PDB file of N, CA and C in Angstrom:
ATOM      1  N   MET A   1     125.333  85.710  97.720  1.00  0.00           N
ATOM      2  CA  MET A   1     124.110  85.530  98.308  1.00  0.00           C
ATOM      3  C   MET A   1     124.082  87.060  98.856  1.00  0.00           C
ATOM      4  N   SER A   2     122.537  87.439  98.543  1.00  0.00           N
ATOM      5  CA  SER A   2     122.199  88.758  99.390  1.00  0.00           C
ATOM      6  C   SER A   2     121.855  88.737 100.722  1.00  0.00           C
ATOM      7  N   TYR A   3     122.604  89.761 101.396  1.00  0.00           N
ATOM      8  CA  TYR A   3     122.227  89.862 102.984  1.00  0.00           C
ATOM      9  C   TYR A   3     120.872  89.238 103.353  1.00  0.00           C
ATOM     10  N   TYR A   4     119.670  89.928 102.716  1.00  0.00           N
ATOM     11  CA  TYR A   4     118.438  89.338 102.794  1.00  0.00           C
ATOM     12  C   TYR A   4     117.889  88.895 101.802  1.00  0.00           C
ATOM     13  N   ARG A   5     117.257  87.802 101.997  1.00  0.00           N
ATOM     14  CA  ARG A   5     116.624  86.845 100.984  1.00  0.00           C
ATOM     15  C   ARG A   5     115.547  87.509  99.988  1.00  0.00           C
ATOM     16  N   GLN A   6     114.561  88.513 100.836  1.00  0.00           N
ATOM     17  CA  GLN A   6     113.556  89.261 100.062  1.00  0.00           C
ATOM     18  C   GLN A   6     113.537  90.456 100.748  1.00  0.00           C
ATOM     19  N   HIS A   7     113.335  91.600 100.008  1.00  0.00           N
ATOM     20  CA  HIS A   7     113.273  92.865 100.347  1.00  0.00           C
ATOM     21  C   HIS A   7     111.525  93.172 100.089  1.00  0.00           C
ATOM     22  N   VAL A   8     110.660  93.776 101.005  1.00  0.00           N
ATOM     23  CA  VAL A   8     109.484  94.014 100.638  1.00  0.00           C
ATOM     24  C   VAL A   8     109.669  95.449 100.655  1.00  0.00           C
ATOM     25  N   PHE A   9     109.119  96.647  99.712  1.00  0.00           N
ATOM     26  CA  PHE A   9     108.886  97.583  99.259  1.00  0.00           C
ATOM     27  C   PHE A   9     107.411  98.446  99.530  1.00  0.00           C
ATOM     28  N   PHE A  10     107.166  99.020 100.573  1.00  0.00           N
ATOM     29  CA  PHE A  10     105.718  99.458 100.748  1.00  0.00           C
ATOM     30  C   PHE A  10     105.975 100.943 100.209  1.00  0.00           C
ATOM     31  N   CYS A  11     105.051 101.472  99.131  1.00  0.00           N
ATOM     32  CA  CYS A  11     105.142 102.498  98.597  1.00  0.00           C
ATOM     33  C   CYS A  11     104.106 103.499  99.769  1.00  0.00           C
ATOM     34  N   VAL A  12     104.579 104.462 100.180  1.00  0.00           N
ATOM     35  CA  VAL A  12     103.889 105.317 101.591  1.00  0.00           C
ATOM     36  C   VAL A  12     104.140 106.709 101.011  1.00  0.00           C
ATOM     37  N   ASN A  13     104.092 106.881  99.761  1.00  0.00           N
ATOM     38  CA  ASN A  13     104.199 108.299  99.266  1.00  0.00           C
ATOM     39  C   ASN A  13     102.854 109.063  99.286  1.00  0.00           C
ATOM     40  N   GLN A  14     102.770 110.151  99.589  1.00  0.00           N
ATOM     41  CA  GLN A  14     101.390 111.059  99.903  1.00  0.00           C
ATOM     42  C   GLN A  14     101.800 112.273  98.878  1.00  0.00           C
ATOM     43  N   ARG A  15     100.707 112.154  98.037  1.00  0.00           N
ATOM     44  CA  ARG A  15     101.105 113.215  96.941  1.00  0.00           C
ATOM     45  C   ARG A  15      99.973 114.554  97.672  1.00  0.00           C
ATOM     46  N   GLU A  16     100.309 115.729  96.623  1.00  0.00           N
ATOM     47  CA  GLU A  16      99.528 116.730  97.059  1.00  0.00           C
ATOM     48  C   GLU A  16      98.424 116.809  96.281  1.00  0.00           C
ATOM     49  N   GLU A  17      97.152 118.047  96.182  1.00  0.00           N
ATOM     50  CA  GLU A  17      96.339 118.355  95.781  1.00  0.00           C
ATOM     51  C   GLU A  17      95.478 117.211  95.487  1.00  0.00           C
ATOM     52  N   GLY A  18      95.386 116.145  96.524  1.00  0.00           N
ATOM     53  CA  GLY A  18      94.079 115.433  95.900  1.00  0.00           C
ATOM     54  C   GLY A  18      94.314 114.252  95.042  1.00  0.00           C
ATOM     55  N   ALA A  19      95.648 114.217  94.575  1.00  0.00           N
ATOM     56  CA  ALA A  19      95.980 113.268  93.369  1.00  0.00           C
ATOM     57  C   ALA A  19      96.000 111.685  94.354  1.00  0.00           C
ATOM     58  N   LEU A  20      95.662 110.641  93.639  1.00  0.00           N
ATOM     59  CA  LEU A  20      95.615 109.632  94.246  1.00  0.00           C
ATOM     60  C   LEU A  20      97.188 108.985  94.546  1.00  0.00           C
ATOM     61  N   CYS A  21      97.113 108.397  95.909  1.00  0.00           N
ATOM     62  CA  CYS A  21      98.541 107.724  96.644  1.00  0.00           C
ATOM     63  C   CYS A  21      98.131 106.636  97.911  1.00  0.00           C
ATOM     64  N   CYS A  22      99.027 106.319  97.570  1.00  0.00           N
ATOM     65  CA  CYS A  22      99.059 105.019  98.466  1.00  0.00           C
ATOM     66  C   CYS A  22      98.795 105.357  99.830  1.00  0.00           C
ATOM     67  N   ASN A  23      99.365 106.418 100.485  1.00  0.00           N
ATOM     68  CA  ASN A  23      99.092 106.391 101.624  1.00  0.00           C
ATOM     69  C   ASN A  23      97.928 107.160 102.250  1.00  0.00           C
ATOM     70  N   ASP A  24      97.322 107.500 101.107  1.00  0.00           N
ATOM     71  CA  ASP A  24      95.549 107.761 101.722  1.00  0.00           C
ATOM     72  C   ASP A  24      94.752 106.452 101.880  1.00  0.00           C
ATOM     73  N   HIS A  25      95.726 105.349 101.941  1.00  0.00           N
ATOM     74  CA  HIS A  25      95.185 103.888 102.245  1.00  0.00           C
ATOM     75  C   HIS A  25      95.943 103.738 103.611  1.00  0.00           C
ATOM     76  N   SER A  26      96.193 104.491 104.447  1.00  0.00           N
ATOM     77  CA  SER A  26      97.022 103.836 105.404  1.00  0.00           C
ATOM     78  C   SER A  26      98.061 103.043 105.542  1.00  0.00           C
ATOM     79  N   ALA A  27      98.867 103.199 104.127  1.00  0.00           N
ATOM     80  CA  ALA A  27     100.208 102.916 103.800  1.00  0.00           C
ATOM     81  C   ALA A  27     101.241 102.613 104.601  1.00  0.00           C
ATOM     82  N   ARG A  28     101.338 103.770 105.898  1.00  0.00           N
ATOM     83  CA  ARG A  28     102.498 103.625 106.391  1.00  0.00           C
ATOM     84  C   ARG A  28     102.051 102.736 107.626  1.00  0.00           C
ATOM     85  N   ALA A  29     100.653 102.836 108.425  1.00  0.00           N
ATOM     86  CA  ALA A  29     100.403 102.187 108.793  1.00  0.00           C
ATOM     87  C   ALA A  29     100.846 100.535 108.958  1.00  0.00           C
ATOM     88  N   ILE A  30     100.143 100.047 107.758  1.00  0.00           N
ATOM     89  CA  ILE A  30     100.264  98.972 107.064  1.00  0.00           C
ATOM     90  C   ILE A  30     101.813  98.324 106.776  1.00  0.00           C
ATOM     91  N   ARG A  31     102.492  99.180 106.521  1.00  0.00           N
ATOM     92  CA  ARG A  31     104.018  98.619 106.557  1.00  0.00           C
ATOM     93  C   ARG A  31     104.474  98.534 107.852  1.00  0.00           C
ATOM     94  N   ASP A  32     103.947  99.533 108.932  1.00  0.00           N
ATOM     95  CA  ASP A  32     104.463  99.155 110.261  1.00  0.00           C
ATOM     96  C   ASP A  32     103.992  97.628 110.946  1.00  0.00           C
ATOM     97  N   TYR A  33     102.592  97.449 110.355  1.00  0.00           N
ATOM     98  CA  TYR A  33     102.114  95.947 110.904  1.00  0.00           C
ATOM     99  C   TYR A  33     102.734  95.080 110.119  1.00  0.00           C
ATOM    100  N   ALA A  34     103.118  95.200 109.127  1.00  0.00           N
ATOM    101  CA  ALA A  34     104.471  94.441 108.274  1.00  0.00           C
ATOM    102  C   ALA A  34     105.055  94.131 109.031  1.00  0.00           C
ATOM    103  N   LYS A  35     106.118  95.035 109.020  1.00  0.00           N
ATOM    104  CA  LYS A  35     107.433  95.099 109.744  1.00  0.00           C
ATOM    105  C   LYS A  35     107.648  94.657 111.271  1.00  0.00           C
ATOM    106  N   ASP A  36     106.279  94.556 111.995  1.00  0.00           N
ATOM    107  CA  ASP A  36     106.237  93.936 113.414  1.00  0.00           C
ATOM    108  C   ASP A  36     105.668  92.615 113.216  1.00  0.00           C
ATOM    109  N   ARG A  37     105.001  92.243 112.376  1.00  0.00           N
ATOM    110  CA  ARG A  37     104.538  91.029 112.075  1.00  0.00           C
ATOM    111  C   ARG A  37     105.984  90.363 111.558  1.00  0.00           C
ATOM    112  N   ILE A  38     106.685  90.384 110.816  1.00  0.00           N
ATOM    113  CA  ILE A  38     107.974  89.608 110.476  1.00  0.00           C
ATOM    114  C   ILE A  38     108.878  89.589 111.802  1.00  0.00           C
ATOM    115  N   LYS A  39     109.057  90.736 112.632  1.00  0.00           N
ATOM    116  CA  LYS A  39     109.670  90.423 113.818  1.00  0.00           C
ATOM    117  C   LYS A  39     109.302  89.175 114.522  1.00  0.00           C
ATOM    118  N   ARG A  40     107.905  89.478 114.472  1.00  0.00           N
ATOM    119  CA  ARG A  40     107.394  88.217 115.890  1.00  0.00           C
ATOM    120  C   ARG A  40     107.628  86.902 115.069  1.00  0.00           C
ATOM    121  N   LEU A  41     107.422  86.761 113.714  1.00  0.00           N
ATOM    122  CA  LEU A  41     107.945  85.517 113.349  1.00  0.00           C
ATOM    123  C   LEU A  41     109.256  85.093 113.142  1.00  0.00           C
ATOM    124  N   LYS A  42     109.887  86.390 113.814  1.00  0.00           N
ATOM    125  CA  LYS A  42     111.641  85.976 113.453  1.00  0.00           C
ATOM    126  C   LYS A  42     111.860  85.734 112.045  1.00  0.00           C
ATOM    127  N   LEU A  43     111.139  86.766 111.039  1.00  0.00           N
ATOM    128  CA  LEU A  43     111.760  86.667 109.811  1.00  0.00           C
ATOM    129  C   LEU A  43     112.515  87.628 109.258  1.00  0.00           C
ATOM    130  N   ASP A  44     113.297  88.292 110.381  1.00  0.00           N
ATOM    131  CA  ASP A  44     113.564  89.852 110.150  1.00  0.00           C
ATOM    132  C   ASP A  44     115.253  89.539 110.277  1.00  0.00           C
ATOM    133  N   ARG A  45     115.859  88.537 110.363  1.00  0.00           N
ATOM    134  CA  ARG A  45     117.105  88.181 110.161  1.00  0.00           C
ATOM    135  C   ARG A  45     117.760  88.103 109.003  1.00  0.00           C
ATOM    136  N   LYS A  46     119.195  88.165 109.143  1.00  0.00           N
ATOM    137  CA  LYS A  46     120.132  87.767 107.798  1.00  0.00           C
ATOM    138  C   LYS A  46     119.540  86.930 107.176  1.00  0.00           C
ATOM    139  N   GLY A  47     119.563  86.782 105.811  1.00  0.00           N
ATOM    140  CA  GLY A  47     119.176  85.615 105.137  1.00  0.00           C
ATOM    141  C   GLY A  47     117.613  85.441 105.185  1.00  0.00           C
ATOM    142  N   LYS A  48     116.844  86.425 105.744  1.00  0.00           N
ATOM    143  CA  LYS A  48     115.541  86.282 105.597  1.00  0.00           C
ATOM    144  C   LYS A  48     114.941  87.516 104.755  1.00  0.00           C
ATOM    145  N   VAL A  49     114.207  88.156 105.298  1.00  0.00           N
ATOM    146  CA  VAL A  49     113.057  89.199 105.179  1.00  0.00           C
ATOM    147  C   VAL A  49     113.403  90.637 105.257  1.00  0.00           C
ATOM    148  N   ARG A  50     113.380  91.782 104.744  1.00  0.00           N
ATOM    149  CA  ARG A  50     113.714  93.135 105.113  1.00  0.00           C
ATOM    150  C   ARG A  50     112.284  93.957 104.347  1.00  0.00           C
ATOM    151  N   ILE A  51     111.663  94.183 105.443  1.00  0.00           N
ATOM    152  CA  ILE A  51     110.490  95.442 104.960  1.00  0.00           C
ATOM    153  C   ILE A  51     110.835  96.868 104.843  1.00  0.00           C
ATOM    154  N   ASN A  52     110.629  97.497 103.927  1.00  0.00           N
ATOM    155  CA  ASN A  52     111.162  98.673 103.567  1.00  0.00           C
ATOM    156  C   ASN A  52     110.068  99.764 103.046  1.00  0.00           C
ATOM    157  N   MET A  53     110.134 101.186 103.425  1.00  0.00           N
ATOM    158  CA  MET A  53     109.477 102.212 102.969  1.00  0.00           C
ATOM    159  C   MET A  53     110.038 102.457 101.538  1.00  0.00           C
ATOM    160  N   ALA A  54     109.000 102.965 100.691  1.00  0.00           N
ATOM    161  CA  ALA A  54     109.276 103.658  99.458  1.00  0.00           C
ATOM    162  C   ALA A  54     108.788 104.748  99.348  1.00  0.00           C
ATOM    163  N   GLY A  55     109.437 105.686  98.300  1.00  0.00           N
ATOM    164  CA  GLY A  55     108.888 106.699  98.109  1.00  0.00           C
ATOM    165  C   GLY A  55     107.940 106.275  96.952  1.00  0.00           C
ATOM    166  N   CYS A  56     107.256 107.156  96.309  1.00  0.00           N
ATOM    167  CA  CYS A  56     106.241 106.780  95.135  1.00  0.00           C
ATOM    168  C   CYS A  56     106.894 105.786  94.044  1.00  0.00           C
ATOM    169  N   LEU A  57     105.946 104.751  93.981  1.00  0.00           N
ATOM    170  CA  LEU A  57     106.709 103.322  93.134  1.00  0.00           C
ATOM    171  C   LEU A  57     105.700 103.514  91.811  1.00  0.00           C
ATOM    172  N   ASP A  58     105.174 104.824  91.646  1.00  0.00           N
ATOM    173  CA  ASP A  58     104.436 105.246  90.364  1.00  0.00           C
ATOM    174  C   ASP A  58     103.442 104.303  89.766  1.00  0.00           C
ATOM    175  N   ARG A  59     102.700 103.685  91.085  1.00  0.00           N
ATOM    176  CA  ARG A  59     101.634 102.716  90.511  1.00  0.00           C
ATOM    177  C   ARG A  59     100.351 102.776  91.221  1.00  0.00           C
ATOM    178  N   CYS A  60     100.288 104.271  91.595  1.00  0.00           N
ATOM    179  CA  CYS A  60      99.293 104.771  92.818  1.00  0.00           C
ATOM    180  C   CYS A  60      97.710 104.607  92.234  1.00  0.00           C
ATOM    181  N   ASN A  61      97.311 104.184  91.088  1.00  0.00           N
ATOM    182  CA  ASN A  61      96.233 104.216  90.746  1.00  0.00           C
ATOM    183  C   ASN A  61      95.898 102.398  90.513  1.00  0.00           C
ATOM    184  N   GLU A  62      96.869 101.986  91.261  1.00  0.00           N
ATOM    185  CA  GLU A  62      96.569 100.509  91.240  1.00  0.00           C
ATOM    186  C   GLU A  62      96.917 100.252  92.888  1.00  0.00           C
ATOM    187  N   GLY A  63      96.646 101.434  93.734  1.00  0.00           N
ATOM    188  CA  GLY A  63      97.237 101.318  95.297  1.00  0.00           C
ATOM    189  C   GLY A  63      96.449 101.053  95.877  1.00  0.00           C
ATOM    190  N   PRO A  64      96.767 100.677  97.138  1.00  0.00           N
ATOM    191  CA  PRO A  64      98.259 100.920  97.827  1.00  0.00           C
ATOM    192  C   PRO A  64      98.949  99.737  97.073  1.00  0.00           C
ATOM    193  N   VAL A  65     100.090  99.868  97.058  1.00  0.00           N
ATOM    194  CA  VAL A  65     100.966  98.617  96.390  1.00  0.00           C
ATOM    195  C   VAL A  65     102.191  98.338  97.240  1.00  0.00           C
ATOM    196  N   ILE A  66     102.756  97.216  97.149  1.00  0.00           N
ATOM    197  CA  ILE A  66     104.156  96.612  97.313  1.00  0.00           C
ATOM    198  C   ILE A  66     104.881  95.878  96.296  1.00  0.00           C
ATOM    199  N   VAL A  67     105.950  96.039  96.613  1.00  0.00           N
ATOM    200  CA  VAL A  67     106.779  95.155  95.394  1.00  0.00           C
ATOM    201  C   VAL A  67     107.937  94.240  96.460  1.00  0.00           C
ATOM    202  N   ILE A  68     107.826  93.028  95.580  1.00  0.00           N
ATOM    203  CA  ILE A  68     108.812  92.102  96.772  1.00  0.00           C
ATOM    204  C   ILE A  68     110.113  91.615  95.754  1.00  0.00           C
ATOM    205  N   TYR A  69     111.185  91.923  96.166  1.00  0.00           N
ATOM    206  CA  TYR A  69     112.290  91.578  95.392  1.00  0.00           C
ATOM    207  C   TYR A  69     113.146  90.738  96.047  1.00  0.00           C
ATOM    208  N   PRO A  70     113.709  89.782  95.308  1.00  0.00           N
ATOM    209  CA  PRO A  70     114.212  89.596  93.976  1.00  0.00           C
ATOM    210  C   PRO A  70     113.360  88.890  93.093  1.00  0.00           C
ATOM    211  N   GLU A  71     111.892  88.771  93.464  1.00  0.00           N
ATOM    212  CA  GLU A  71     111.262  88.037  92.700  1.00  0.00           C
ATOM    213  C   GLU A  71     110.110  89.214  91.383  1.00  0.00           C
ATOM    214  N   GLU A  72     110.182  90.491  91.897  1.00  0.00           N
ATOM    215  CA  GLU A  72     109.619  91.467  91.346  1.00  0.00           C
ATOM    216  C   GLU A  72     108.096  90.949  91.027  1.00  0.00           C
ATOM    217  N   VAL A  73     107.449  91.003  92.284  1.00  0.00           N
ATOM    218  CA  VAL A  73     105.754  90.386  92.307  1.00  0.00           C
ATOM    219  C   VAL A  73     105.471  92.050  92.884  1.00  0.00           C
ATOM    220  N   TRP A  74     104.521  92.310  91.972  1.00  0.00           N
ATOM    221  CA  TRP A  74     104.038  93.694  92.547  1.00  0.00           C
ATOM    222  C   TRP A  74     102.534  93.056  93.061  1.00  0.00           C
ATOM    223  N   TYR A  75     101.909  93.884  94.667  1.00  0.00           N
ATOM    224  CA  TYR A  75     100.806  93.661  95.111  1.00  0.00           C
ATOM    225  C   TYR A  75     100.039  94.915  95.391  1.00  0.00           C
ATOM    226  N   THR A  76      98.482  94.433  95.392  1.00  0.00           N
ATOM    227  CA  THR A  76      98.130  95.587  95.948  1.00  0.00           C
ATOM    228  C   THR A  76      97.475  94.906  97.154  1.00  0.00           C
ATOM    229  N   TYR A  77      96.695  95.917  98.194  1.00  0.00           N
ATOM    230  CA  TYR A  77      96.079  94.889  99.456  1.00  0.00           C
ATOM    231  C   TYR A  77      94.849  96.053  99.806  1.00  0.00           C
ATOM    232  N   VAL A  78      94.303  95.636 100.482  1.00  0.00           N
ATOM    233  CA  VAL A  78      93.112  96.138 101.284  1.00  0.00           C
ATOM    234  C   VAL A  78      93.248  96.388 102.815  1.00  0.00           C
ATOM    235  N   ASP A  79      93.581  95.402 103.671  1.00  0.00           N
ATOM    236  CA  ASP A  79      93.715  95.365 104.865  1.00  0.00           C
ATOM    237  C   ASP A  79      94.942  94.403 105.439  1.00  0.00           C
ATOM    238  N   LYS A  80      94.878  93.995 106.887  1.00  0.00           N
ATOM    239  CA  LYS A  80      96.139  94.078 107.226  1.00  0.00           C
ATOM    240  C   LYS A  80      95.851  91.946 106.988  1.00  0.00           C
ATOM    241  N   GLU A  81      94.670  91.739 106.788  1.00  0.00           N
ATOM    242  CA  GLU A  81      94.522  90.328 106.426  1.00  0.00           C
ATOM    243  C   GLU A  81      95.132  90.159 105.065  1.00  0.00           C
ATOM    244  N   ASP A  82      95.485  90.788 104.272  1.00  0.00           N
ATOM    245  CA  ASP A  82      95.502  90.790 102.906  1.00  0.00           C
ATOM    246  C   ASP A  82      96.910  90.747 103.311  1.00  0.00           C
ATOM    247  N   ILE A  83      97.923  91.424 104.023  1.00  0.00           N
ATOM    248  CA  ILE A  83      99.241  91.428 104.169  1.00  0.00           C
ATOM    249  C   ILE A  83      99.521  90.044 105.157  1.00  0.00           C
ATOM    250  N   ASP A  84      98.568  89.779 105.729  1.00  0.00           N
ATOM    251  CA  ASP A  84      98.803  88.265 106.447  1.00  0.00           C
ATOM    252  C   ASP A  84      99.020  87.106 105.668  1.00  0.00           C
ATOM    253  N   GLU A  85      98.212  87.274 104.339  1.00  0.00           N
ATOM    254  CA  GLU A  85      98.255  86.317 103.629  1.00  0.00           C
ATOM    255  C   GLU A  85      99.449  86.394 102.985  1.00  0.00           C
ATOM    256  N   ILE A  86      99.845  87.567 102.286  1.00  0.00           N
ATOM    257  CA  ILE A  86     101.498  88.006 101.387  1.00  0.00           C
ATOM    258  C   ILE A  86     102.445  87.387 102.317  1.00  0.00           C
ATOM    259  N   ILE A  87     102.416  87.604 103.877  1.00  0.00           N
ATOM    260  CA  ILE A  87     103.424  87.141 104.375  1.00  0.00           C
ATOM    261  C   ILE A  87     103.562  85.672 104.623  1.00  0.00           C
ATOM    262  N   GLU A  88     102.235  84.968 105.083  1.00  0.00           N
ATOM    263  CA  GLU A  88     101.971  83.722 104.781  1.00  0.00           C
ATOM    264  C   GLU A  88     102.513  82.848 103.660  1.00  0.00           C
ATOM    265  N   GLU A  89     101.978  83.211 102.704  1.00  0.00           N
ATOM    266  CA  GLU A  89     101.933  82.508 101.405  1.00  0.00           C
ATOM    267  C   GLU A  89     103.358  83.053 100.456  1.00  0.00           C
ATOM    268  N   HIS A  90     103.582  84.125 100.356  1.00  0.00           N
ATOM    269  CA  HIS A  90     104.780  84.922  99.566  1.00  0.00           C
ATOM    270  C   HIS A  90     106.028  84.245 100.861  1.00  0.00           C
ATOM    271  N   LEU A  91     105.872  85.048 101.225  1.00  0.00           N
ATOM    272  CA  LEU A  91     107.212  85.208 102.148  1.00  0.00           C
ATOM    273  C   LEU A  91     107.448  83.849 102.890  1.00  0.00           C
ATOM    274  N   ARG A  92     106.578  83.437 103.316  1.00  0.00           N
ATOM    275  CA  ARG A  92     106.974  81.852 104.086  1.00  0.00           C
ATOM    276  C   ARG A  92     106.822  80.626 103.380  1.00  0.00           C
ATOM    277  N   ASN A  93     106.100  80.602 102.099  1.00  0.00           N
ATOM    278  CA  ASN A  93     106.095  79.494 101.436  1.00  0.00           C
ATOM    279  C   ASN A  93     106.333  79.616 100.186  1.00  0.00           C
ATOM    280  N   GLY A  94     106.386  80.708  99.638  1.00  0.00           N
ATOM    281  CA  GLY A  94     107.246  80.892  98.085  1.00  0.00           C
ATOM    282  C   GLY A  94     105.826  81.076  97.233  1.00  0.00           C
ATOM    283  N   ARG A  95     104.692  81.147  97.648  1.00  0.00           N
ATOM    284  CA  ARG A  95     103.434  80.964  96.710  1.00  0.00           C
ATOM    285  C   ARG A  95     102.877  82.469  96.524  1.00  0.00           C
ATOM    286  N   VAL A  96     103.269  83.024  95.352  1.00  0.00           N
ATOM    287  CA  VAL A  96     102.617  84.473  94.955  1.00  0.00           C
ATOM    288  C   VAL A  96     101.111  84.174  95.030  1.00  0.00           C
ATOM    289  N   VAL A  97     100.498  85.004  95.507  1.00  0.00           N
ATOM    290  CA  VAL A  97      99.118  85.309  96.104  1.00  0.00           C
ATOM    291  C   VAL A  97      98.551  85.837  95.065  1.00  0.00           C
ATOM    292  N   GLU A  98      98.005  85.005  93.824  1.00  0.00           N
ATOM    293  CA  GLU A  98      97.358  85.555  92.832  1.00  0.00           C
ATOM    294  C   GLU A  98      96.334  86.759  92.710  1.00  0.00           C
ATOM    295  N   ARG A  99      95.578  86.459  93.899  1.00  0.00           N
ATOM    296  CA  ARG A  99      94.315  87.567  93.843  1.00  0.00           C
ATOM    297  C   ARG A  99      94.735  88.779  94.057  1.00  0.00           C
ATOM    298  N   LEU A 100      95.691  88.970  94.646  1.00  0.00           N
ATOM    299  CA  LEU A 100      96.074  90.477  95.372  1.00  0.00           C
ATOM    300  C   LEU A 100      97.141  91.127  94.357  1.00  0.00           C
ATOM    301  N   LYS A 101      97.701  90.047  93.304  1.00  0.00           N
ATOM    302  CA  LYS A 101      98.900  90.423  92.447  1.00  0.00           C
ATOM    303  C   LYS A 101      98.481  91.700  91.303  1.00  0.00           C
ATOM    304  N   ILE A 102      99.418  92.212  90.999  1.00  0.00           N
ATOM    305  CA  ILE A 102      98.958  93.305  89.876  1.00  0.00           C
ATOM    306  C   ILE A 102     100.148  93.373  88.660  1.00  0.00           C
TER     307      ILE A 102
END
């Protein structure tokens, strides 16, 4: 069994010279919000969920993006409410949020 049940990777890449990137959409702040929310829900322990930052996940044109492993489900999001929905539906209840899936 893996140490964590799920890993959530937030692309926080910042590209140069005006190229599209996830960090243009406050990705780092949204990742911090998700990490805090997971802690408040006590989902941040062994056998549960780990929130991580990632460099470029190479899908910036669909971004901002996150990917959840081991399910290999990719999401985009607009705001904290989308992240709350992903946490509640996917991470807590095991249901893919189809409207945010890419």
